[in-house]
Amino acid sequence: MVSQEFTDKAAAVSSLSKRPSDDELLKLYGLYKQATVGDNETTKPGVFDFKGKYKWESWEGLKGTSQEDAEAQYIELATELIGKYN
């Protein structure tokens, strides 16, 4: 169960006035998936699905991280990006 703070930060990040870098977005994606779903159990996307592969790898890299830790890291990164891009 994610916290209200997590939900608020996710909403704030989705409406930033400037777009974060691809690396920042991938990190956010991985942390979000780890916090909300847990370990990645999906099949790796095909070789020509570059965007899907990068997203999968970002999430896969967090395997073993607890959902609570991922949520805390997401909130920390989101707070930093909100300050940087709003």
PDB file of N, CA and C in Angstrom:
ATOM      1  N   MET A   1       0.843  -1.194   0.000  1.00  0.00           N
ATOM      2  CA  MET A   1       0.000   0.000   0.000  1.00  0.00           C
ATOM      3  C   MET A   1       0.878   1.243   0.000  1.00  0.00           C
ATOM      4  N   VAL A   2       0.757   2.060  -1.020  1.00  0.00           N
ATOM      5  CA  VAL A   2       1.575   3.259  -1.121  1.00  0.00           C
ATOM      6  C   VAL A   2       0.978   4.388  -0.283  1.00  0.00           C
ATOM      7  N   SER A   3       1.857   5.275   0.149  1.00  0.00           N
ATOM      8  CA  SER A   3       1.441   6.380   1.002  1.00  0.00           C
ATOM      9  C   SER A   3       0.803   7.507   0.192  1.00  0.00           C
ATOM     10  N   GLN A   4       0.124   8.382   0.895  1.00  0.00           N
ATOM     11  CA  GLN A   4      -0.467   9.555   0.249  1.00  0.00           C
ATOM     12  C   GLN A   4       0.631  10.459  -0.299  1.00  0.00           C
ATOM     13  N   GLU A   5       1.750  10.555   0.421  1.00  0.00           N
ATOM     14  CA  GLU A   5       2.859  11.383  -0.051  1.00  0.00           C
ATOM     15  C   GLU A   5       3.372  10.864  -1.391  1.00  0.00           C
ATOM     16  N   PHE A   6       3.491   9.537  -1.525  1.00  0.00           N
ATOM     17  CA  PHE A   6       3.936   8.922  -2.777  1.00  0.00           C
ATOM     18  C   PHE A   6       2.976   9.275  -3.902  1.00  0.00           C
ATOM     19  N   THR A   7       1.692   9.129  -3.652  1.00  0.00           N
ATOM     20  CA  THR A   7       0.668   9.437  -4.654  1.00  0.00           C
ATOM     21  C   THR A   7       0.731  10.909  -5.054  1.00  0.00           C
ATOM     22  N   ASP A   8       0.909  11.797  -4.082  1.00  0.00           N
ATOM     23  CA  ASP A   8       1.002  13.238  -4.354  1.00  0.00           C
ATOM     24  C   ASP A   8       2.229  13.566  -5.197  1.00  0.00           C
ATOM     25  N   LYS A   9       3.370  12.951  -4.854  1.00  0.00           N
ATOM     26  CA  LYS A   9       4.612  13.210  -5.608  1.00  0.00           C
ATOM     27  C   LYS A   9       4.488  12.690  -7.036  1.00  0.00           C
ATOM     28  N   ALA A  10       3.879  11.516  -7.207  1.00  0.00           N
ATOM     29  CA  ALA A  10       3.697  10.959  -8.552  1.00  0.00           C
ATOM     30  C   ALA A  10       2.845  11.902  -9.405  1.00  0.00           C
ATOM     31  N   ALA A  11       1.803  12.462  -8.816  1.00  0.00           N
ATOM     32  CA  ALA A  11       0.944  13.406  -9.539  1.00  0.00           C
ATOM     33  C   ALA A  11       1.712  14.682  -9.880  1.00  0.00           C
ATOM     34  N   ALA A  12       2.512  15.166  -8.930  1.00  0.00           N
ATOM     35  CA  ALA A  12       3.279  16.402  -9.153  1.00  0.00           C
ATOM     36  C   ALA A  12       4.330  16.204 -10.241  1.00  0.00           C
ATOM     37  N   VAL A  13       4.976  15.051 -10.250  1.00  0.00           N
ATOM     38  CA  VAL A  13       6.016  14.774 -11.248  1.00  0.00           C
ATOM     39  C   VAL A  13       5.410  14.688 -12.649  1.00  0.00           C
ATOM     40  N   SER A  14       4.201  14.171 -12.750  1.00  0.00           N
ATOM     41  CA  SER A  14       3.574  14.027 -14.069  1.00  0.00           C
ATOM     42  C   SER A  14       3.149  15.370 -14.657  1.00  0.00           C
ATOM     43  N   SER A  15       3.160  16.429 -13.849  1.00  0.00           N
ATOM     44  CA  SER A  15       2.757  17.740 -14.363  1.00  0.00           C
ATOM     45  C   SER A  15       3.859  18.792 -14.202  1.00  0.00           C
ATOM     46  N   LEU A  16       5.109  18.359 -14.305  1.00  0.00           N
ATOM     47  CA  LEU A  16       6.227  19.308 -14.234  1.00  0.00           C
ATOM     48  C   LEU A  16       6.177  20.255 -15.427  1.00  0.00           C
ATOM     49  N   SER A  17       6.666  21.475 -15.236  1.00  0.00           N
ATOM     50  CA  SER A  17       6.633  22.444 -16.324  1.00  0.00           C
ATOM     51  C   SER A  17       7.716  22.161 -17.373  1.00  0.00           C
ATOM     52  N   LYS A  18       8.795  21.484 -16.991  1.00  0.00           N
ATOM     53  CA  LYS A  18       9.839  21.066 -17.935  1.00  0.00           C
ATOM     54  C   LYS A  18      10.015  19.564 -17.823  1.00  0.00           C
ATOM     55  N   ARG A  19      10.405  18.933 -18.938  1.00  0.00           N
ATOM     56  CA  ARG A  19      10.571  17.478 -18.981  1.00  0.00           C
ATOM     57  C   ARG A  19      11.930  17.085 -18.395  1.00  0.00           C
ATOM     58  N   PRO A  20      11.941  16.162 -17.424  1.00  0.00           N
ATOM     59  CA  PRO A  20      13.218  15.662 -16.901  1.00  0.00           C
ATOM     60  C   PRO A  20      13.986  14.899 -17.987  1.00  0.00           C
ATOM     61  N   SER A  21      15.267  14.640 -17.741  1.00  0.00           N
ATOM     62  CA  SER A  21      16.085  13.890 -18.698  1.00  0.00           C
ATOM     63  C   SER A  21      15.580  12.450 -18.798  1.00  0.00           C
ATOM     64  N   ASP A  22      15.958  11.779 -19.872  1.00  0.00           N
ATOM     65  CA  ASP A  22      15.559  10.379 -20.051  1.00  0.00           C
ATOM     66  C   ASP A  22      16.050   9.517 -18.892  1.00  0.00           C
ATOM     67  N   ASP A  23      17.277   9.750 -18.436  1.00  0.00           N
ATOM     68  CA  ASP A  23      17.813   8.974 -17.309  1.00  0.00           C
ATOM     69  C   ASP A  23      16.986   9.182 -16.047  1.00  0.00           C
ATOM     70  N   GLU A  24      16.598  10.428 -15.791  1.00  0.00           N
ATOM     71  CA  GLU A  24      15.774  10.725 -14.618  1.00  0.00           C
ATOM     72  C   GLU A  24      14.410  10.051 -14.731  1.00  0.00           C
ATOM     73  N   LEU A  25      13.833  10.095 -15.933  1.00  0.00           N
ATOM     74  CA  LEU A  25      12.527   9.470 -16.139  1.00  0.00           C
ATOM     75  C   LEU A  25      12.607   7.954 -15.968  1.00  0.00           C
ATOM     76  N   LEU A  26      13.687   7.345 -16.467  1.00  0.00           N
ATOM     77  CA  LEU A  26      13.852   5.905 -16.308  1.00  0.00           C
ATOM     78  C   LEU A  26      13.997   5.517 -14.843  1.00  0.00           C
ATOM     79  N   LYS A  27      14.745   6.312 -14.098  1.00  0.00           N
ATOM     80  CA  LYS A  27      14.914   6.030 -12.673  1.00  0.00           C
ATOM     81  C   LYS A  27      13.569   6.146 -11.948  1.00  0.00           C
ATOM     82  N   LEU A  28      12.817   7.192 -12.272  1.00  0.00           N
ATOM     83  CA  LEU A  28      11.483   7.362 -11.688  1.00  0.00           C
ATOM     84  C   LEU A  28      10.591   6.166 -12.021  1.00  0.00           C
ATOM     85  N   TYR A  29      10.626   5.751 -13.278  1.00  0.00           N
ATOM     86  CA  TYR A  29       9.798   4.628 -13.714  1.00  0.00           C
ATOM     87  C   TYR A  29      10.133   3.362 -12.927  1.00  0.00           C
ATOM     88  N   GLY A  30      11.420   3.043 -12.842  1.00  0.00           N
ATOM     89  CA  GLY A  30      11.839   1.843 -12.128  1.00  0.00           C
ATOM     90  C   GLY A  30      11.421   1.871 -10.669  1.00  0.00           C
ATOM     91  N   LEU A  31      11.638   3.011 -10.022  1.00  0.00           N
ATOM     92  CA  LEU A  31      11.253   3.137  -8.612  1.00  0.00           C
ATOM     93  C   LEU A  31       9.745   3.050  -8.434  1.00  0.00           C
ATOM     94  N   TYR A  32       9.001   3.662  -9.350  1.00  0.00           N
ATOM     95  CA  TYR A  32       7.540   3.620  -9.273  1.00  0.00           C
ATOM     96  C   TYR A  32       7.042   2.182  -9.378  1.00  0.00           C
ATOM     97  N   LYS A  33       7.547   1.455 -10.380  1.00  0.00           N
ATOM     98  CA  LYS A  33       7.119   0.071 -10.572  1.00  0.00           C
ATOM     99  C   LYS A  33       7.512  -0.801  -9.378  1.00  0.00           C
ATOM    100  N   GLN A  34       8.729  -0.606  -8.858  1.00  0.00           N
ATOM    101  CA  GLN A  34       9.183  -1.406  -7.723  1.00  0.00           C
ATOM    102  C   GLN A  34       8.327  -1.109  -6.490  1.00  0.00           C
ATOM    103  N   ALA A  35       7.979   0.165  -6.293  1.00  0.00           N
ATOM    104  CA  ALA A  35       7.174   0.557  -5.132  1.00  0.00           C
ATOM    105  C   ALA A  35       5.735   0.051  -5.236  1.00  0.00           C
ATOM    106  N   THR A  36       5.180   0.044  -6.440  1.00  0.00           N
ATOM    107  CA  THR A  36       3.772  -0.309  -6.589  1.00  0.00           C
ATOM    108  C   THR A  36       3.526  -1.784  -6.905  1.00  0.00           C
ATOM    109  N   VAL A  37       4.478  -2.435  -7.579  1.00  0.00           N
ATOM    110  CA  VAL A  37       4.287  -3.820  -8.007  1.00  0.00           C
ATOM    111  C   VAL A  37       5.218  -4.782  -7.272  1.00  0.00           C
ATOM    112  N   GLY A  38       6.440  -4.328  -7.006  1.00  0.00           N
ATOM    113  CA  GLY A  38       7.456  -5.205  -6.426  1.00  0.00           C
ATOM    114  C   GLY A  38       8.416  -5.656  -7.511  1.00  0.00           C
ATOM    115  N   ASP A  39       9.089  -6.778  -7.279  1.00  0.00           N
ATOM    116  CA  ASP A  39      10.093  -7.258  -8.231  1.00  0.00           C
ATOM    117  C   ASP A  39       9.502  -7.502  -9.617  1.00  0.00           C
ATOM    118  N   ASN A  40      10.300  -7.186 -10.621  1.00  0.00           N
ATOM    119  CA  ASN A  40       9.928  -7.369 -12.021  1.00  0.00           C
ATOM    120  C   ASN A  40       9.887  -8.863 -12.348  1.00  0.00           C
ATOM    121  N   GLU A  41       8.730  -9.343 -12.731  1.00  0.00           N
ATOM    122  CA  GLU A  41       8.569 -10.752 -13.118  1.00  0.00           C
ATOM    123  C   GLU A  41       8.161 -10.861 -14.590  1.00  0.00           C
ATOM    124  N   THR A  42       8.250  -9.762 -15.328  1.00  0.00           N
ATOM    125  CA  THR A  42       7.835  -9.751 -16.730  1.00  0.00           C
ATOM    126  C   THR A  42       8.972 -10.214 -17.633  1.00  0.00           C
ATOM    127  N   THR A  43       8.625 -10.590 -18.842  1.00  0.00           N
ATOM    128  CA  THR A  43       9.603 -11.015 -19.837  1.00  0.00           C
ATOM    129  C   THR A  43      10.276  -9.783 -20.434  1.00  0.00           C
ATOM    130  N   LYS A  44      11.578  -9.892 -20.672  1.00  0.00           N
ATOM    131  CA  LYS A  44      12.316  -8.773 -21.271  1.00  0.00           C
ATOM    132  C   LYS A  44      11.785  -8.505 -22.676  1.00  0.00           C
ATOM    133  N   PRO A  45      11.541  -7.228 -23.014  1.00  0.00           N
ATOM    134  CA  PRO A  45      11.034  -6.887 -24.352  1.00  0.00           C
ATOM    135  C   PRO A  45      12.018  -7.295 -25.450  1.00  0.00           C
ATOM    136  N   GLY A  46      11.510  -7.377 -26.655  1.00  0.00           N
ATOM    137  CA  GLY A  46      12.312  -7.757 -27.811  1.00  0.00           C
ATOM    138  C   GLY A  46      13.427  -6.769 -28.105  1.00  0.00           C
ATOM    139  N   VAL A  47      14.382  -7.217 -28.902  1.00  0.00           N
ATOM    140  CA  VAL A  47      15.600  -6.456 -29.184  1.00  0.00           C
ATOM    141  C   VAL A  47      15.321  -5.119 -29.875  1.00  0.00           C
ATOM    142  N   PHE A  48      14.232  -5.014 -30.612  1.00  0.00           N
ATOM    143  CA  PHE A  48      13.936  -3.765 -31.320  1.00  0.00           C
ATOM    144  C   PHE A  48      13.023  -2.822 -30.544  1.00  0.00           C
ATOM    145  N   ASP A  49      12.567  -3.241 -29.379  1.00  0.00           N
ATOM    146  CA  ASP A  49      11.738  -2.395 -28.510  1.00  0.00           C
ATOM    147  C   ASP A  49      12.670  -1.673 -27.539  1.00  0.00           C
ATOM    148  N   PHE A  50      13.352  -0.637 -28.050  1.00  0.00           N
ATOM    149  CA  PHE A  50      14.369   0.052 -27.254  1.00  0.00           C
ATOM    150  C   PHE A  50      13.782   0.714 -26.007  1.00  0.00           C
ATOM    151  N   LYS A  51      12.682   1.427 -26.172  1.00  0.00           N
ATOM    152  CA  LYS A  51      12.066   2.118 -25.034  1.00  0.00           C
ATOM    153  C   LYS A  51      11.623   1.104 -23.976  1.00  0.00           C
ATOM    154  N   GLY A  52      10.964   0.051 -24.415  1.00  0.00           N
ATOM    155  CA  GLY A  52      10.514  -0.987 -23.494  1.00  0.00           C
ATOM    156  C   GLY A  52      11.680  -1.663 -22.786  1.00  0.00           C
ATOM    157  N   LYS A  53      12.769  -1.884 -23.525  1.00  0.00           N
ATOM    158  CA  LYS A  53      13.952  -2.535 -22.954  1.00  0.00           C
ATOM    159  C   LYS A  53      14.573  -1.669 -21.862  1.00  0.00           C
ATOM    160  N   TYR A  54      14.707  -0.379 -22.125  1.00  0.00           N
ATOM    161  CA  TYR A  54      15.300   0.524 -21.127  1.00  0.00           C
ATOM    162  C   TYR A  54      14.431   0.609 -19.873  1.00  0.00           C
ATOM    163  N   LYS A  55      13.112   0.665 -20.062  1.00  0.00           N
ATOM    164  CA  LYS A  55      12.203   0.707 -18.917  1.00  0.00           C
ATOM    165  C   LYS A  55      12.293  -0.596 -18.125  1.00  0.00           C
ATOM    166  N   TRP A  56      12.317  -1.727 -18.836  1.00  0.00           N
ATOM    167  CA  TRP A  56      12.408  -3.040 -18.187  1.00  0.00           C
ATOM    168  C   TRP A  56      13.704  -3.133 -17.384  1.00  0.00           C
ATOM    169  N   GLU A  57      14.816  -2.694 -17.984  1.00  0.00           N
ATOM    170  CA  GLU A  57      16.119  -2.764 -17.309  1.00  0.00           C
ATOM    171  C   GLU A  57      16.162  -1.861 -16.080  1.00  0.00           C
ATOM    172  N   SER A  58      15.527  -0.711 -16.153  1.00  0.00           N
ATOM    173  CA  SER A  58      15.482   0.200 -15.009  1.00  0.00           C
ATOM    174  C   SER A  58      14.767  -0.446 -13.838  1.00  0.00           C
ATOM    175  N   TRP A  59      13.666  -1.105 -14.127  1.00  0.00           N
ATOM    176  CA  TRP A  59      12.892  -1.792 -13.081  1.00  0.00           C
ATOM    177  C   TRP A  59      13.637  -3.039 -12.614  1.00  0.00           C
ATOM    178  N   GLU A  60      14.182  -3.809 -13.529  1.00  0.00           N
ATOM    179  CA  GLU A  60      14.895  -5.042 -13.201  1.00  0.00           C
ATOM    180  C   GLU A  60      16.085  -4.762 -12.283  1.00  0.00           C
ATOM    181  N   GLY A  61      16.738  -3.626 -12.474  1.00  0.00           N
ATOM    182  CA  GLY A  61      17.892  -3.251 -11.657  1.00  0.00           C
ATOM    183  C   GLY A  61      17.564  -3.040 -10.192  1.00  0.00           C
ATOM    184  N   LEU A  62      16.296  -2.913  -9.875  1.00  0.00           N
ATOM    185  CA  LEU A  62      15.856  -2.701  -8.492  1.00  0.00           C
ATOM    186  C   LEU A  62      15.383  -3.987  -7.821  1.00  0.00           C
ATOM    187  N   LYS A  63      15.516  -5.107  -8.518  1.00  0.00           N
ATOM    188  CA  LYS A  63      15.061  -6.395  -7.970  1.00  0.00           C
ATOM    189  C   LYS A  63      15.684  -6.615  -6.600  1.00  0.00           C
ATOM    190  N   GLY A  64      14.862  -7.013  -5.653  1.00  0.00           N
ATOM    191  CA  GLY A  64      15.338  -7.242  -4.292  1.00  0.00           C
ATOM    192  C   GLY A  64      15.160  -6.039  -3.378  1.00  0.00           C
ATOM    193  N   THR A  65      14.891  -4.862  -3.961  1.00  0.00           N
ATOM    194  CA  THR A  65      14.624  -3.663  -3.161  1.00  0.00           C
ATOM    195  C   THR A  65      13.199  -3.771  -2.619  1.00  0.00           C
ATOM    196  N   SER A  66      13.034  -3.518  -1.333  1.00  0.00           N
ATOM    197  CA  SER A  66      11.681  -3.603  -0.772  1.00  0.00           C
ATOM    198  C   SER A  66      10.807  -2.503  -1.367  1.00  0.00           C
ATOM    199  N   GLN A  67       9.505  -2.746  -1.377  1.00  0.00           N
ATOM    200  CA  GLN A  67       8.588  -1.747  -1.901  1.00  0.00           C
ATOM    201  C   GLN A  67       8.646  -0.470  -1.061  1.00  0.00           C
ATOM    202  N   GLU A  68       8.862  -0.610   0.239  1.00  0.00           N
ATOM    203  CA  GLU A  68       8.959   0.557   1.116  1.00  0.00           C
ATOM    204  C   GLU A  68      10.206   1.387   0.791  1.00  0.00           C
ATOM    205  N   ASP A  69      11.337   0.720   0.578  1.00  0.00           N
ATOM    206  CA  ASP A  69      12.563   1.440   0.213  1.00  0.00           C
ATOM    207  C   ASP A  69      12.414   2.129  -1.137  1.00  0.00           C
ATOM    208  N   ALA A  70      11.816   1.433  -2.094  1.00  0.00           N
ATOM    209  CA  ALA A  70      11.610   2.024  -3.414  1.00  0.00           C
ATOM    210  C   ALA A  70      10.703   3.244  -3.326  1.00  0.00           C
ATOM    211  N   GLU A  71       9.682   3.156  -2.490  1.00  0.00           N
ATOM    212  CA  GLU A  71       8.779   4.295  -2.311  1.00  0.00           C
ATOM    213  C   GLU A  71       9.533   5.491  -1.722  1.00  0.00           C
ATOM    214  N   ALA A  72      10.355   5.248  -0.721  1.00  0.00           N
ATOM    215  CA  ALA A  72      11.128   6.326  -0.090  1.00  0.00           C
ATOM    216  C   ALA A  72      12.092   6.951  -1.102  1.00  0.00           C
ATOM    217  N   GLN A  73      12.749   6.120  -1.913  1.00  0.00           N
ATOM    218  CA  GLN A  73      13.679   6.632  -2.928  1.00  0.00           C
ATOM    219  C   GLN A  73      12.927   7.422  -4.001  1.00  0.00           C
ATOM    220  N   TYR A  74      11.744   6.951  -4.367  1.00  0.00           N
ATOM    221  CA  TYR A  74      10.927   7.655  -5.354  1.00  0.00           C
ATOM    222  C   TYR A  74      10.547   9.039  -4.830  1.00  0.00           C
ATOM    223  N   ILE A  75      10.090   9.102  -3.592  1.00  0.00           N
ATOM    224  CA  ILE A  75       9.694  10.380  -2.997  1.00  0.00           C
ATOM    225  C   ILE A  75      10.876  11.343  -2.966  1.00  0.00           C
ATOM    226  N   GLU A  76      12.050  10.830  -2.605  1.00  0.00           N
ATOM    227  CA  GLU A  76      13.260  11.661  -2.559  1.00  0.00           C
ATOM    228  C   GLU A  76      13.614  12.194  -3.949  1.00  0.00           C
ATOM    229  N   LEU A  77      13.613  11.316  -4.957  1.00  0.00           N
ATOM    230  CA  LEU A  77      13.936  11.742  -6.322  1.00  0.00           C
ATOM    231  C   LEU A  77      12.873  12.689  -6.859  1.00  0.00           C
ATOM    232  N   ALA A  78      11.613  12.398  -6.630  1.00  0.00           N
ATOM    233  CA  ALA A  78      10.527  13.257  -7.106  1.00  0.00           C
ATOM    234  C   ALA A  78      10.630  14.649  -6.504  1.00  0.00           C
ATOM    235  N   THR A  79      10.943  14.732  -5.207  1.00  0.00           N
ATOM    236  CA  THR A  79      11.101  16.021  -4.538  1.00  0.00           C
ATOM    237  C   THR A  79      12.227  16.815  -5.182  1.00  0.00           C
ATOM    238  N   GLU A  80      13.328  16.136  -5.495  1.00  0.00           N
ATOM    239  CA  GLU A  80      14.471  16.780  -6.145  1.00  0.00           C
ATOM    240  C   GLU A  80      14.081  17.294  -7.539  1.00  0.00           C
ATOM    241  N   LEU A  81      13.372  16.473  -8.311  1.00  0.00           N
ATOM    242  CA  LEU A  81      12.976  16.873  -9.668  1.00  0.00           C
ATOM    243  C   LEU A  81      11.947  17.994  -9.670  1.00  0.00           C
ATOM    244  N   ILE A  82      11.048  17.971  -8.700  1.00  0.00           N
ATOM    245  CA  ILE A  82      10.049  19.050  -8.597  1.00  0.00           C
ATOM    246  C   ILE A  82      10.758  20.386  -8.342  1.00  0.00           C
ATOM    247  N   GLY A  83      11.762  20.365  -7.484  1.00  0.00           N
ATOM    248  CA  GLY A  83      12.544  21.567  -7.227  1.00  0.00           C
ATOM    249  C   GLY A  83      13.350  22.020  -8.440  1.00  0.00           C
ATOM    250  N   LYS A  84      13.807  21.066  -9.223  1.00  0.00           N
ATOM    251  CA  LYS A  84      14.666  21.346 -10.367  1.00  0.00           C
ATOM    252  C   LYS A  84      13.871  21.804 -11.594  1.00  0.00           C
ATOM    253  N   TYR A  85      12.687  21.231 -11.816  1.00  0.00           N
ATOM    254  CA  TYR A  85      11.958  21.472 -13.064  1.00  0.00           C
ATOM    255  C   TYR A  85      10.674  22.268 -12.935  1.00  0.00           C
ATOM    256  N   ASN A  86      10.314  22.718 -11.752  1.00  0.00           N
ATOM    257  CA  ASN A  86       9.091  23.525 -11.628  1.00  0.00           C
ATOM    258  C   ASN A  86       9.409  24.967 -11.346  1.00  0.00           C
TER     259      ASN A  86
END
